Each structure stands twice: as structure tokens, then as C-alpha cells.
PDB file of N, CA and C in Angstrom:
ATOM      1  N   MET A   1       1.153  -1.298  -0.090  1.00  0.00           N
ATOM      2  CA  MET A   1       0.100   0.121   0.177  1.00  0.00           C
ATOM      3  C   MET A   1       0.771   1.039  -0.074  1.00  0.00           C
ATOM      4  N   ILE A   2       0.575   2.268  -1.070  1.00  0.00           N
ATOM      5  CA  ILE A   2       1.536   3.404  -0.667  1.00  0.00           C
ATOM      6  C   ILE A   2       0.505   4.512   0.319  1.00  0.00           C
ATOM      7  N   LYS A   3       1.768   5.011   0.663  1.00  0.00           N
ATOM      8  CA  LYS A   3       1.592   5.872   2.001  1.00  0.00           C
ATOM      9  C   LYS A   3       1.783   7.167   2.246  1.00  0.00           C
ATOM     10  N   THR A   4       1.464   7.950   3.207  1.00  0.00           N
ATOM     11  CA  THR A   4       2.163   9.377   3.559  1.00  0.00           C
ATOM     12  C   THR A   4       2.951   9.037   4.755  1.00  0.00           C
ATOM     13  N   ILE A   5       4.129   9.402   5.029  1.00  0.00           N
ATOM     14  CA  ILE A   5       4.719   9.447   5.876  1.00  0.00           C
ATOM     15  C   ILE A   5       5.186  10.560   6.507  1.00  0.00           C
ATOM     16  N   ASN A   6       4.667  11.421   7.832  1.00  0.00           N
ATOM     17  CA  ASN A   6       4.522  12.438   8.614  1.00  0.00           C
ATOM     18  C   ASN A   6       5.739  12.310   9.295  1.00  0.00           C
ATOM     19  N   ILE A   7       6.919  12.850   8.828  1.00  0.00           N
ATOM     20  CA  ILE A   7       8.161  12.894   9.491  1.00  0.00           C
ATOM     21  C   ILE A   7       8.523  13.158  10.646  1.00  0.00           C
ATOM     22  N   GLU A   8       7.224  14.582  11.502  1.00  0.00           N
ATOM     23  CA  GLU A   8       7.359  15.074  12.586  1.00  0.00           C
ATOM     24  C   GLU A   8       6.684  14.006  13.571  1.00  0.00           C
ATOM     25  N   GLU A   9       5.499  13.324  12.863  1.00  0.00           N
ATOM     26  CA  GLU A   9       4.849  12.273  14.021  1.00  0.00           C
ATOM     27  C   GLU A   9       5.551  11.096  14.059  1.00  0.00           C
ATOM     28  N   GLN A  10       6.671  11.026  13.060  1.00  0.00           N
ATOM     29  CA  GLN A  10       7.074   9.492  13.573  1.00  0.00           C
ATOM     30  C   GLN A  10       8.376   9.801  14.399  1.00  0.00           C
ATOM     31  N   LEU A  11       9.205  11.257  14.266  1.00  0.00           N
ATOM     32  CA  LEU A  11      10.140  11.397  15.224  1.00  0.00           C
ATOM     33  C   LEU A  11       9.590  11.805  16.672  1.00  0.00           C
ATOM     34  N   ALA A  12       8.344  11.919  16.769  1.00  0.00           N
ATOM     35  CA  ALA A  12       7.495  12.163  18.179  1.00  0.00           C
ATOM     36  C   ALA A  12       7.268  10.751  18.912  1.00  0.00           C
ATOM     37  N   ALA A  13       7.649  10.067  17.712  1.00  0.00           N
ATOM     38  CA  ALA A  13       7.090   8.419  18.500  1.00  0.00           C
ATOM     39  C   ALA A  13       8.235   7.824  18.865  1.00  0.00           C
ATOM     40  N   ILE A  14       9.379   8.107  18.599  1.00  0.00           N
ATOM     41  CA  ILE A  14      11.102   7.732  19.125  1.00  0.00           C
ATOM     42  C   ILE A  14      11.505   8.112  20.071  1.00  0.00           C
ATOM     43  N   THR A  15      11.511   7.278  21.344  1.00  0.00           N
ATOM     44  CA  THR A  15      12.203   7.295  22.510  1.00  0.00           C
ATOM     45  C   THR A  15      13.578   6.988  22.962  1.00  0.00           C
ATOM     46  N   GLU A  16      14.183   6.415  21.825  1.00  0.00           N
ATOM     47  CA  GLU A  16      15.122   5.913  22.277  1.00  0.00           C
ATOM     48  C   GLU A  16      16.129   6.291  21.523  1.00  0.00           C
ATOM     49  N   TYR A  17      17.297   6.865  22.004  1.00  0.00           N
ATOM     50  CA  TYR A  17      18.534   7.454  21.206  1.00  0.00           C
ATOM     51  C   TYR A  17      19.070   6.343  20.601  1.00  0.00           C
ATOM     52  N   TRP A  18      19.661   6.783  19.242  1.00  0.00           N
ATOM     53  CA  TRP A  18      20.769   5.807  18.744  1.00  0.00           C
ATOM     54  C   TRP A  18      19.745   4.626  18.075  1.00  0.00           C
ATOM     55  N   SER A  19      18.722   4.439  18.184  1.00  0.00           N
ATOM     56  CA  SER A  19      17.726   3.283  17.604  1.00  0.00           C
ATOM     57  C   SER A  19      17.198   3.681  16.440  1.00  0.00           C
ATOM     58  N   PRO A  20      17.630   3.744  15.339  1.00  0.00           N
ATOM     59  CA  PRO A  20      16.870   3.997  14.168  1.00  0.00           C
ATOM     60  C   PRO A  20      15.673   2.881  13.667  1.00  0.00           C
ATOM     61  N   VAL A  21      14.926   3.931  13.392  1.00  0.00           N
ATOM     62  CA  VAL A  21      13.242   3.092  12.975  1.00  0.00           C
ATOM     63  C   VAL A  21      13.268   3.291  11.591  1.00  0.00           C
ATOM     64  N   ILE A  22      13.061   2.229  10.796  1.00  0.00           N
ATOM     65  CA  ILE A  22      12.633   2.251   9.214  1.00  0.00           C
ATOM     66  C   ILE A  22      11.113   2.663   9.124  1.00  0.00           C
ATOM     67  N   VAL A  23      11.225   3.624   8.211  1.00  0.00           N
ATOM     68  CA  VAL A  23      10.147   4.407   7.791  1.00  0.00           C
ATOM     69  C   VAL A  23       9.859   4.106   5.982  1.00  0.00           C
ATOM     70  N   GLY A  24      10.553   3.518   5.548  1.00  0.00           N
ATOM     71  CA  GLY A  24      10.614   3.327   4.137  1.00  0.00           C
ATOM     72  C   GLY A  24      11.118   2.594   3.871  1.00  0.00           C
ATOM     73  N   GLU A  25      11.066   1.993   2.331  1.00  0.00           N
ATOM     74  CA  GLU A  25      12.450   1.073   1.451  1.00  0.00           C
ATOM     75  C   GLU A  25      12.086   1.212   0.113  1.00  0.00           C
ATOM     76  N   LEU A  26      13.145   1.313  -0.305  1.00  0.00           N
ATOM     77  CA  LEU A  26      13.148   1.209  -1.840  1.00  0.00           C
ATOM     78  C   LEU A  26      14.717   0.834  -2.441  1.00  0.00           C
ATOM     79  N   ASN A  27      14.619   0.032  -3.512  1.00  0.00           N
ATOM     80  CA  ASN A  27      15.775  -0.478  -4.300  1.00  0.00           C
ATOM     81  C   ASN A  27      16.577  -1.003  -3.434  1.00  0.00           C
ATOM     82  N   GLY A  28      16.215  -1.624  -2.435  1.00  0.00           N
ATOM     83  CA  GLY A  28      17.362  -2.295  -1.742  1.00  0.00           C
ATOM     84  C   GLY A  28      18.206  -1.318  -0.556  1.00  0.00           C
ATOM     85  N   GLN A  29      17.558  -0.242  -0.237  1.00  0.00           N
ATOM     86  CA  GLN A  29      17.856   0.861   0.204  1.00  0.00           C
ATOM     87  C   GLN A  29      17.011   0.906   1.704  1.00  0.00           C
ATOM     88  N   THR A  30      17.179   1.318   2.692  1.00  0.00           N
ATOM     89  CA  THR A  30      16.177   1.728   3.798  1.00  0.00           C
ATOM     90  C   THR A  30      15.972   3.275   4.224  1.00  0.00           C
ATOM     91  N   VAL A  31      15.284   3.806   4.310  1.00  0.00           N
ATOM     92  CA  VAL A  31      14.944   5.395   4.801  1.00  0.00           C
ATOM     93  C   VAL A  31      14.572   5.078   6.334  1.00  0.00           C
ATOM     94  N   LYS A  32      15.623   5.514   7.318  1.00  0.00           N
ATOM     95  CA  LYS A  32      15.319   5.408   8.764  1.00  0.00           C
ATOM     96  C   LYS A  32      15.435   7.044   9.286  1.00  0.00           C
ATOM     97  N   LEU A  33      14.383   7.099  10.285  1.00  0.00           N
ATOM     98  CA  LEU A  33      14.722   8.128  11.139  1.00  0.00           C
ATOM     99  C   LEU A  33      15.177   7.985  12.805  1.00  0.00           C
ATOM    100  N   ALA A  34      16.348   8.670  13.162  1.00  0.00           N
ATOM    101  CA  ALA A  34      16.877   8.554  14.742  1.00  0.00           C
ATOM    102  C   ALA A  34      16.881   9.849  15.189  1.00  0.00           C
ATOM    103  N   LYS A  35      17.244   9.494  16.372  1.00  0.00           N
ATOM    104  CA  LYS A  35      17.387  10.460  17.688  1.00  0.00           C
ATOM    105  C   LYS A  35      18.689  10.188  17.871  1.00  0.00           C
ATOM    106  N   LEU A  36      19.440  11.056  18.002  1.00  0.00           N
ATOM    107  CA  LEU A  36      20.630  11.167  18.484  1.00  0.00           C
ATOM    108  C   LEU A  36      21.208  12.270  19.565  1.00  0.00           C
ATOM    109  N   LEU A  37      21.769  11.624  20.734  1.00  0.00           N
ATOM    110  CA  LEU A  37      22.188  12.338  21.735  1.00  0.00           C
ATOM    111  C   LEU A  37      23.545  11.751  22.302  1.00  0.00           C
ATOM    112  N   GLY A  38      24.846  12.620  22.715  1.00  0.00           N
ATOM    113  CA  GLY A  38      26.144  11.849  23.309  1.00  0.00           C
ATOM    114  C   GLY A  38      26.895  11.731  22.011  1.00  0.00           C
ATOM    115  N   GLU A  39      27.875  10.423  22.070  1.00  0.00           N
ATOM    116  CA  GLU A  39      28.754  10.072  21.445  1.00  0.00           C
ATOM    117  C   GLU A  39      28.479   8.320  20.956  1.00  0.00           C
ATOM    118  N   PHE A  40      28.676   8.531  19.800  1.00  0.00           N
ATOM    119  CA  PHE A  40      28.366   7.131  19.150  1.00  0.00           C
ATOM    120  C   PHE A  40      29.897   6.262  19.629  1.00  0.00           C
ATOM    121  N   VAL A  41      29.914   5.050  18.750  1.00  0.00           N
ATOM    122  CA  VAL A  41      31.445   4.573  18.750  1.00  0.00           C
ATOM    123  C   VAL A  41      32.149   4.527  17.479  1.00  0.00           C
ATOM    124  N   TRP A  42      33.245   4.558  17.495  1.00  0.00           N
ATOM    125  CA  TRP A  42      33.929   4.496  15.850  1.00  0.00           C
ATOM    126  C   TRP A  42      33.571   3.275  15.315  1.00  0.00           C
ATOM    127  N   HIS A  43      33.025   3.216  14.106  1.00  0.00           N
ATOM    128  CA  HIS A  43      32.644   2.545  13.360  1.00  0.00           C
ATOM    129  C   HIS A  43      32.990   2.352  11.703  1.00  0.00           C
ATOM    130  N   LYS A  44      32.801   1.535  11.213  1.00  0.00           N
ATOM    131  CA  LYS A  44      33.024   2.072   9.462  1.00  0.00           C
ATOM    132  C   LYS A  44      31.701   0.437   8.948  1.00  0.00           C
ATOM    133  N   HIS A  45      31.502   0.799   8.095  1.00  0.00           N
ATOM    134  CA  HIS A  45      30.851  -0.184   6.719  1.00  0.00           C
ATOM    135  C   HIS A  45      31.682  -0.730   5.636  1.00  0.00           C
ATOM    136  N   GLU A  46      32.209  -1.601   5.750  1.00  0.00           N
ATOM    137  CA  GLU A  46      32.925  -2.164   5.120  1.00  0.00           C
ATOM    138  C   GLU A  46      32.290  -2.282   3.342  1.00  0.00           C
ATOM    139  N   ALA A  47      30.732  -2.567   3.566  1.00  0.00           N
ATOM    140  CA  ALA A  47      30.445  -2.743   2.165  1.00  0.00           C
ATOM    141  C   ALA A  47      29.260  -1.719   1.809  1.00  0.00           C
ATOM    142  N   GLU A  48      28.822  -0.623   2.564  1.00  0.00           N
ATOM    143  CA  GLU A  48      27.930   0.136   2.431  1.00  0.00           C
ATOM    144  C   GLU A  48      28.452   1.756   2.711  1.00  0.00           C
ATOM    145  N   ASP A  49      27.593   2.692   1.698  1.00  0.00           N
ATOM    146  CA  ASP A  49      27.887   3.951   1.838  1.00  0.00           C
ATOM    147  C   ASP A  49      26.568   4.288   3.148  1.00  0.00           C
ATOM    148  N   GLU A  50      27.147   5.373   3.585  1.00  0.00           N
ATOM    149  CA  GLU A  50      25.728   5.691   4.258  1.00  0.00           C
ATOM    150  C   GLU A  50      25.386   7.339   4.251  1.00  0.00           C
ATOM    151  N   MET A  51      24.071   7.895   4.502  1.00  0.00           N
ATOM    152  CA  MET A  51      23.709   9.174   3.926  1.00  0.00           C
ATOM    153  C   MET A  51      23.150   9.407   5.416  1.00  0.00           C
ATOM    154  N   PHE A  52      23.440  10.591   6.132  1.00  0.00           N
ATOM    155  CA  PHE A  52      22.937  10.997   7.251  1.00  0.00           C
ATOM    156  C   PHE A  52      22.426  12.792   6.827  1.00  0.00           C
ATOM    157  N   TYR A  53      21.327  12.845   6.844  1.00  0.00           N
ATOM    158  CA  TYR A  53      20.668  13.733   6.500  1.00  0.00           C
ATOM    159  C   TYR A  53      19.997  14.660   7.776  1.00  0.00           C
ATOM    160  N   VAL A  54      20.607  15.925   8.337  1.00  0.00           N
ATOM    161  CA  VAL A  54      20.186  16.524   9.488  1.00  0.00           C
ATOM    162  C   VAL A  54      18.689  17.075   9.606  1.00  0.00           C
ATOM    163  N   LEU A  55      17.578  16.688  10.437  1.00  0.00           N
ATOM    164  CA  LEU A  55      16.549  17.248  10.376  1.00  0.00           C
ATOM    165  C   LEU A  55      16.468  18.466  11.139  1.00  0.00           C
ATOM    166  N   SER A  56      17.064  18.181  12.401  1.00  0.00           N
ATOM    167  CA  SER A  56      17.068  19.209  13.660  1.00  0.00           C
ATOM    168  C   SER A  56      18.425  19.005  14.327  1.00  0.00           C
ATOM    169  N   GLY A  57      18.916  20.332  14.805  1.00  0.00           N
ATOM    170  CA  GLY A  57      20.067  20.154  15.670  1.00  0.00           C
ATOM    171  C   GLY A  57      21.700  19.882  14.901  1.00  0.00           C
ATOM    172  N   ILE A  58      22.290  19.812  15.751  1.00  0.00           N
ATOM    173  CA  ILE A  58      23.596  19.985  15.016  1.00  0.00           C
ATOM    174  C   ILE A  58      24.454  18.756  15.413  1.00  0.00           C
ATOM    175  N   LEU A  59      24.818  18.038  14.311  1.00  0.00           N
ATOM    176  CA  LEU A  59      25.315  16.638  13.959  1.00  0.00           C
ATOM    177  C   LEU A  59      27.085  16.762  13.860  1.00  0.00           C
ATOM    178  N   LYS A  60      27.993  16.435  14.509  1.00  0.00           N
ATOM    179  CA  LYS A  60      29.349  16.035  14.165  1.00  0.00           C
ATOM    180  C   LYS A  60      29.410  14.844  13.879  1.00  0.00           C
ATOM    181  N   ILE A  61      30.547  14.665  12.926  1.00  0.00           N
ATOM    182  CA  ILE A  61      31.152  13.652  12.826  1.00  0.00           C
ATOM    183  C   ILE A  61      32.191  13.402  12.580  1.00  0.00           C
ATOM    184  N   GLU A  62      32.934  12.801  13.615  1.00  0.00           N
ATOM    185  CA  GLU A  62      34.545  12.523  13.749  1.00  0.00           C
ATOM    186  C   GLU A  62      35.142  11.595  12.561  1.00  0.00           C
ATOM    187  N   PHE A  63      35.919  11.874  12.093  1.00  0.00           N
ATOM    188  CA  PHE A  63      37.009  11.041  11.241  1.00  0.00           C
ATOM    189  C   PHE A  63      38.339  11.158  11.868  1.00  0.00           C
ATOM    190  N   ARG A  64      39.311  10.126  11.835  1.00  0.00           N
ATOM    191  CA  ARG A  64      40.695  10.158  12.178  1.00  0.00           C
ATOM    192  C   ARG A  64      41.514  11.328  12.236  1.00  0.00           C
ATOM    193  N   ASP A  65      41.299  12.292  10.692  1.00  0.00           N
ATOM    194  CA  ASP A  65      41.659  13.163  10.559  1.00  0.00           C
ATOM    195  C   ASP A  65      41.137  14.491  10.779  1.00  0.00           C
ATOM    196  N   ASN A  66      39.621  14.556  11.010  1.00  0.00           N
ATOM    197  CA  ASN A  66      39.048  15.938  10.686  1.00  0.00           C
ATOM    198  C   ASN A  66      37.475  15.674  11.379  1.00  0.00           C
ATOM    199  N   THR A  67      36.469  16.697  11.600  1.00  0.00           N
ATOM    200  CA  THR A  67      35.745  16.765  11.986  1.00  0.00           C
ATOM    201  C   THR A  67      34.540  17.435  11.141  1.00  0.00           C
ATOM    202  N   LEU A  68      33.481  16.750  10.869  1.00  0.00           N
ATOM    203  CA  LEU A  68      32.696  17.410  10.018  1.00  0.00           C
ATOM    204  C   LEU A  68      31.282  17.851  10.599  1.00  0.00           C
ATOM    205  N   THR A  69      30.472  19.228  10.563  1.00  0.00           N
ATOM    206  CA  THR A  69      29.376  19.878  11.315  1.00  0.00           C
ATOM    207  C   THR A  69      28.472  19.979  10.135  1.00  0.00           C
ATOM    208  N   LEU A  70      27.467  19.336  10.765  1.00  0.00           N
ATOM    209  CA  LEU A  70      26.174  19.384   9.712  1.00  0.00           C
ATOM    210  C   LEU A  70      25.047  20.120  10.263  1.00  0.00           C
ATOM    211  N   TYR A  71      24.689  20.866  10.104  1.00  0.00           N
ATOM    212  CA  TYR A  71      23.407  21.748  10.684  1.00  0.00           C
ATOM    213  C   TYR A  71      21.542  21.275   9.972  1.00  0.00           C
ATOM    214  N   PRO A  72      20.718  21.683  10.373  1.00  0.00           N
ATOM    215  CA  PRO A  72      19.684  21.099   9.491  1.00  0.00           C
ATOM    216  C   PRO A  72      19.582  21.254   8.152  1.00  0.00           C
ATOM    217  N   ASN A  73      19.434  20.814   7.386  1.00  0.00           N
ATOM    218  CA  ASN A  73      18.976  20.822   5.922  1.00  0.00           C
ATOM    219  C   ASN A  73      20.565  20.199   5.097  1.00  0.00           C
ATOM    220  N   GLU A  74      20.920  19.672   6.146  1.00  0.00           N
ATOM    221  CA  GLU A  74      22.335  19.441   5.282  1.00  0.00           C
ATOM    222  C   GLU A  74      22.625  17.792   5.440  1.00  0.00           C
ATOM    223  N   PHE A  75      23.212  17.549   4.366  1.00  0.00           N
ATOM    224  CA  PHE A  75      23.669  15.964   4.816  1.00  0.00           C
ATOM    225  C   PHE A  75      24.897  15.679   4.050  1.00  0.00           C
ATOM    226  N   THR A  76      25.393  14.338   4.484  1.00  0.00           N
ATOM    227  CA  THR A  76      26.388  13.881   3.717  1.00  0.00           C
ATOM    228  C   THR A  76      26.297  12.571   3.598  1.00  0.00           C
ATOM    229  N   VAL A  77      27.419  12.042   2.569  1.00  0.00           N
ATOM    230  CA  VAL A  77      27.655  10.493   2.381  1.00  0.00           C
ATOM    231  C   VAL A  77      28.855  10.061   3.031  1.00  0.00           C
ATOM    232  N   ILE A  78      28.898   9.056   4.015  1.00  0.00           N
ATOM    233  CA  ILE A  78      30.413   8.582   4.165  1.00  0.00           C
ATOM    234  C   ILE A  78      30.577   7.313   3.301  1.00  0.00           C
ATOM    235  N   PRO A  79      31.828   7.412   2.878  1.00  0.00           N
ATOM    236  CA  PRO A  79      31.510   6.423   1.794  1.00  0.00           C
ATOM    237  C   PRO A  79      32.079   5.038   2.623  1.00  0.00           C
ATOM    238  N   ARG A  80      31.589   3.508   2.082  1.00  0.00           N
ATOM    239  CA  ARG A  80      32.108   2.700   2.626  1.00  0.00           C
ATOM    240  C   ARG A  80      33.800   2.494   2.913  1.00  0.00           C
ATOM    241  N   GLY A  81      33.921   1.922   4.002  1.00  0.00           N
ATOM    242  CA  GLY A  81      35.502   1.808   4.709  1.00  0.00           C
ATOM    243  C   GLY A  81      35.772   2.745   5.196  1.00  0.00           C
ATOM    244  N   VAL A  82      34.962   4.056   5.669  1.00  0.00           N
ATOM    245  CA  VAL A  82      35.881   5.199   6.015  1.00  0.00           C
ATOM    246  C   VAL A  82      35.251   5.102   7.915  1.00  0.00           C
ATOM    247  N   GLU A  83      36.055   4.935   8.556  1.00  0.00           N
ATOM    248  CA  GLU A  83      35.649   5.100   9.922  1.00  0.00           C
ATOM    249  C   GLU A  83      35.602   6.421  10.669  1.00  0.00           C
ATOM    250  N   HIS A  84      34.351   6.431  11.075  1.00  0.00           N
ATOM    251  CA  HIS A  84      33.599   7.576  11.707  1.00  0.00           C
ATOM    252  C   HIS A  84      33.073   7.339  13.159  1.00  0.00           C
ATOM    253  N   LYS A  85      32.709   8.661  13.805  1.00  0.00           N
ATOM    254  CA  LYS A  85      31.941   8.756  14.738  1.00  0.00           C
ATOM    255  C   LYS A  85      31.205   9.846  14.953  1.00  0.00           C
ATOM    256  N   PRO A  86      29.918   9.291  14.932  1.00  0.00           N
ATOM    257  CA  PRO A  86      28.814  10.746  15.289  1.00  0.00           C
ATOM    258  C   PRO A  86      28.597  10.995  16.635  1.00  0.00           C
ATOM    259  N   ILE A  87      28.772  12.203  16.744  1.00  0.00           N
ATOM    260  CA  ILE A  87      28.251  13.049  17.847  1.00  0.00           C
ATOM    261  C   ILE A  87      27.555  14.069  17.693  1.00  0.00           C
ATOM    262  N   ALA A  88      26.835  13.946  19.252  1.00  0.00           N
ATOM    263  CA  ALA A  88      25.509  15.091  18.788  1.00  0.00           C
ATOM    264  C   ALA A  88      25.390  15.433  20.773  1.00  0.00           C
ATOM    265  N   GLU A  89      25.822  16.662  20.576  1.00  0.00           N
ATOM    266  CA  GLU A  89      25.899  17.439  21.927  1.00  0.00           C
ATOM    267  C   GLU A  89      24.647  17.709  22.601  1.00  0.00           C
ATOM    268  N   LYS A  90      23.635  17.988  22.233  1.00  0.00           N
ATOM    269  CA  LYS A  90      22.156  18.065  22.237  1.00  0.00           C
ATOM    270  C   LYS A  90      21.358  17.666  21.447  1.00  0.00           C
ATOM    271  N   ASP A  91      20.221  17.165  21.316  1.00  0.00           N
ATOM    272  CA  ASP A  91      18.990  16.542  20.829  1.00  0.00           C
ATOM    273  C   ASP A  91      19.431  16.575  19.135  1.00  0.00           C
ATOM    274  N   VAL A  92      19.509  15.812  18.565  1.00  0.00           N
ATOM    275  CA  VAL A  92      19.607  15.834  17.128  1.00  0.00           C
ATOM    276  C   VAL A  92      18.843  14.810  16.395  1.00  0.00           C
ATOM    277  N   SER A  93      17.876  15.302  15.482  1.00  0.00           N
ATOM    278  CA  SER A  93      16.957  14.265  14.718  1.00  0.00           C
ATOM    279  C   SER A  93      17.639  14.515  12.906  1.00  0.00           C
ATOM    280  N   VAL A  94      17.748  12.998  12.525  1.00  0.00           N
ATOM    281  CA  VAL A  94      18.322  13.038  11.315  1.00  0.00           C
ATOM    282  C   VAL A  94      17.653  11.463  10.495  1.00  0.00           C
ATOM    283  N   MET A  95      17.760  11.523   9.629  1.00  0.00           N
ATOM    284  CA  MET A  95      17.217  10.715   8.289  1.00  0.00           C
ATOM    285  C   MET A  95      18.381  10.140   8.036  1.00  0.00           C
ATOM    286  N   LEU A  96      18.475   8.787   7.689  1.00  0.00           N
ATOM    287  CA  LEU A  96      19.479   8.008   7.227  1.00  0.00           C
ATOM    288  C   LEU A  96      18.889   7.131   5.817  1.00  0.00           C
ATOM    289  N   PHE A  97      19.851   7.172   4.802  1.00  0.00           N
ATOM    290  CA  PHE A  97      19.301   6.751   3.812  1.00  0.00           C
ATOM    291  C   PHE A  97      20.854   5.467   3.649  1.00  0.00           C
ATOM    292  N   GLU A  98      20.413   4.033   3.998  1.00  0.00           N
ATOM    293  CA  GLU A  98      21.519   3.318   3.826  1.00  0.00           C
ATOM    294  C   GLU A  98      20.980   1.967   3.123  1.00  0.00           C
ATOM    295  N   PRO A  99      21.979   0.918   2.308  1.00  0.00           N
ATOM    296  CA  PRO A  99      21.378  -0.340   2.033  1.00  0.00           C
ATOM    297  C   PRO A  99      20.910  -0.920   3.166  1.00  0.00           C
ATOM    298  N   THR A 100      19.942  -1.899   3.051  1.00  0.00           N
ATOM    299  CA  THR A 100      18.837  -2.809   3.996  1.00  0.00           C
ATOM    300  C   THR A 100      19.865  -3.316   4.843  1.00  0.00           C
ATOM    301  N   THR A 101      20.857  -4.141   4.364  1.00  0.00           N
ATOM    302  CA  THR A 101      22.041  -4.334   5.245  1.00  0.00           C
ATOM    303  C   THR A 101      23.037  -3.936   5.957  1.00  0.00           C
ATOM    304  N   THR A 102      22.994  -2.703   6.059  1.00  0.00           N
ATOM    305  CA  THR A 102      23.824  -1.912   6.757  1.00  0.00           C
ATOM    306  C   THR A 102      23.269  -2.305   8.469  1.00  0.00           C
ATOM    307  N   LEU A 103      23.984  -2.581   9.399  1.00  0.00           N
ATOM    308  CA  LEU A 103      24.040  -2.725  10.949  1.00  0.00           C
ATOM    309  C   LEU A 103      24.800  -1.263  11.165  1.00  0.00           C
ATOM    310  N   ASN A 104      23.749  -0.557  12.024  1.00  0.00           N
ATOM    311  CA  ASN A 104      23.711   1.036  13.247  1.00  0.00           C
ATOM    312  C   ASN A 104      25.458   0.884  13.082  1.00  0.00           C
ATOM    313  N   THR A 105      26.015  -0.306  13.869  1.00  0.00           N
ATOM    314  CA  THR A 105      27.416   0.177  14.422  1.00  0.00           C
ATOM    315  C   THR A 105      28.355  -0.461  13.544  1.00  0.00           C
ATOM    316  N   GLY A 106      27.918  -0.757  12.688  1.00  0.00           N
ATOM    317  CA  GLY A 106      28.892  -1.215  11.443  1.00  0.00           C
ATOM    318  C   GLY A 106      30.025  -2.826  11.471  1.00  0.00           C
ATOM    319  N   ASP A 107      31.257  -2.279  11.668  1.00  0.00           N
ATOM    320  CA  ASP A 107      32.045  -3.229  11.848  1.00  0.00           C
ATOM    321  C   ASP A 107      32.371  -3.335  13.809  1.00  0.00           C
ATOM    322  N   LYS A 108      31.889  -2.891  14.539  1.00  0.00           N
ATOM    323  CA  LYS A 108      31.425  -3.098  15.947  1.00  0.00           C
ATOM    324  C   LYS A 108      30.267  -3.614  15.940  1.00  0.00           C
ATOM    325  N   VAL A 109      30.299  -4.692  16.942  1.00  0.00           N
ATOM    326  CA  VAL A 109      28.929  -4.772  17.728  1.00  0.00           C
ATOM    327  C   VAL A 109      29.072  -5.026  19.406  1.00  0.00           C
ATOM    328  N   ASN A 110      28.184  -4.010  19.731  1.00  0.00           N
ATOM    329  CA  ASN A 110      28.378  -3.642  21.311  1.00  0.00           C
ATOM    330  C   ASN A 110      26.818  -3.477  21.731  1.00  0.00           C
ATOM    331  N   GLU A 111      26.572  -3.122  22.730  1.00  0.00           N
ATOM    332  CA  GLU A 111      25.128  -2.877  23.411  1.00  0.00           C
ATOM    333  C   GLU A 111      24.440  -1.480  22.807  1.00  0.00           C
ATOM    334  N   LEU A 112      25.207  -1.295  21.451  1.00  0.00           N
ATOM    335  CA  LEU A 112      24.309   0.203  20.775  1.00  0.00           C
ATOM    336  C   LEU A 112      23.806  -0.186  19.351  1.00  0.00           C
ATOM    337  N   THR A 113      24.573  -1.999  19.218  1.00  0.00           N
ATOM    338  CA  THR A 113      23.687  -2.498  18.098  1.00  0.00           C
ATOM    339  C   THR A 113      22.197  -3.035  18.018  1.00  0.00           C
ATOM    340  N   LYS A 114      21.632  -2.570  16.885  1.00  0.00           N
ATOM    341  CA  LYS A 114      20.445  -2.711  16.642  1.00  0.00           C
ATOM    342  C   LYS A 114      20.109  -4.004  15.448  1.00  0.00           C
ATOM    343  N   ARG A 115      20.008  -5.110  16.092  1.00  0.00           N
ATOM    344  CA  ARG A 115      19.485  -5.691  14.431  1.00  0.00           C
ATOM    345  C   ARG A 115      18.412  -5.975  14.029  1.00  0.00           C
ATOM    346  N   ASN A 116      17.072  -5.802  14.642  1.00  0.00           N
ATOM    347  CA  ASN A 116      15.691  -6.090  14.262  1.00  0.00           C
ATOM    348  C   ASN A 116      14.961  -4.852  14.173  1.00  0.00           C
ATOM    349  N   LEU A 117      15.431  -4.100  13.666  1.00  0.00           N
ATOM    350  CA  LEU A 117      14.670  -2.449  13.419  1.00  0.00           C
ATOM    351  C   LEU A 117      13.088  -2.495  13.560  1.00  0.00           C
ATOM    352  N   LYS A 118      12.321  -1.662  13.929  1.00  0.00           N
ATOM    353  CA  LYS A 118      11.079  -1.425  14.200  1.00  0.00           C
ATOM    354  C   LYS A 118      10.737  -0.949  12.840  1.00  0.00           C
ATOM    355  N   LYS A 119       9.888  -1.367  12.032  1.00  0.00           N
ATOM    356  CA  LYS A 119       9.496  -0.618  10.971  1.00  0.00           C
ATOM    357  C   LYS A 119       8.041   0.126  11.091  1.00  0.00           C
ATOM    358  N   ILE A 120       7.981   1.301  10.621  1.00  0.00           N
ATOM    359  CA  ILE A 120       6.540   1.968  10.713  1.00  0.00           C
ATOM    360  C   ILE A 120       5.694   1.819   9.593  1.00  0.00           C
TER     361      ILE A 120
END
């Protein structure tokens, strides 16, 4: 069934940080919404590129040699194999575009790893 997704409503329903929710799927890709706060883990995705689109807040993404800062309505694509660490000093809401196979913690498996994401 074709439906409309209201991003604000879906974000309001998310209560856990660093726990993406799938809001759409297309061509082997997932569209995810997430709320972020604090520091994530250093990780990389060996086989997948990852796109971060900032909806609200300021997201910093650390790389081993520099830091990228994203503001609302900005996005970046992290190429496969590039180690990175997202940081949200205050609440950040993002939309992620990535292949269905992408694990949120990439090559690191720990307490932040989410394997069976909620689908809306």
C-alpha cells in the first residue's frame, strides 16, 4: 500500500536514542529516522555507503583526521570503509539512507547494535 509518512509524527514516537526506525524501503535501501544524543562508537561499514540528513540539531561526525559539522537541512555521504563517529552534543534528529544490510554499528558489535529495527 502506498502511504504518506509524516516525519514529525514519526520522530515524536521515537523514545530511544541511537535506535533507528525504518520508515521506508526502496531499491534495496532503507529510509530511517533516528534521534541522537551523546557520542556513538567509532565504526565503519565495509560494504555500504551511509547518508546522514540532519532534520534538527547539530551533528558532528568525527573522522580520524578531521570533524564534519552538519546543520539542519544538510547531509553527507560517508563512503564505505571510512571510519567515523557521530556526536550529538544536544538532541539531533536525522534521516538515514542506507542499504538494507547496514548494521548501525558497522564493524563493531556492542550494546548499541540494533539488529531488528522497528518498521513503521
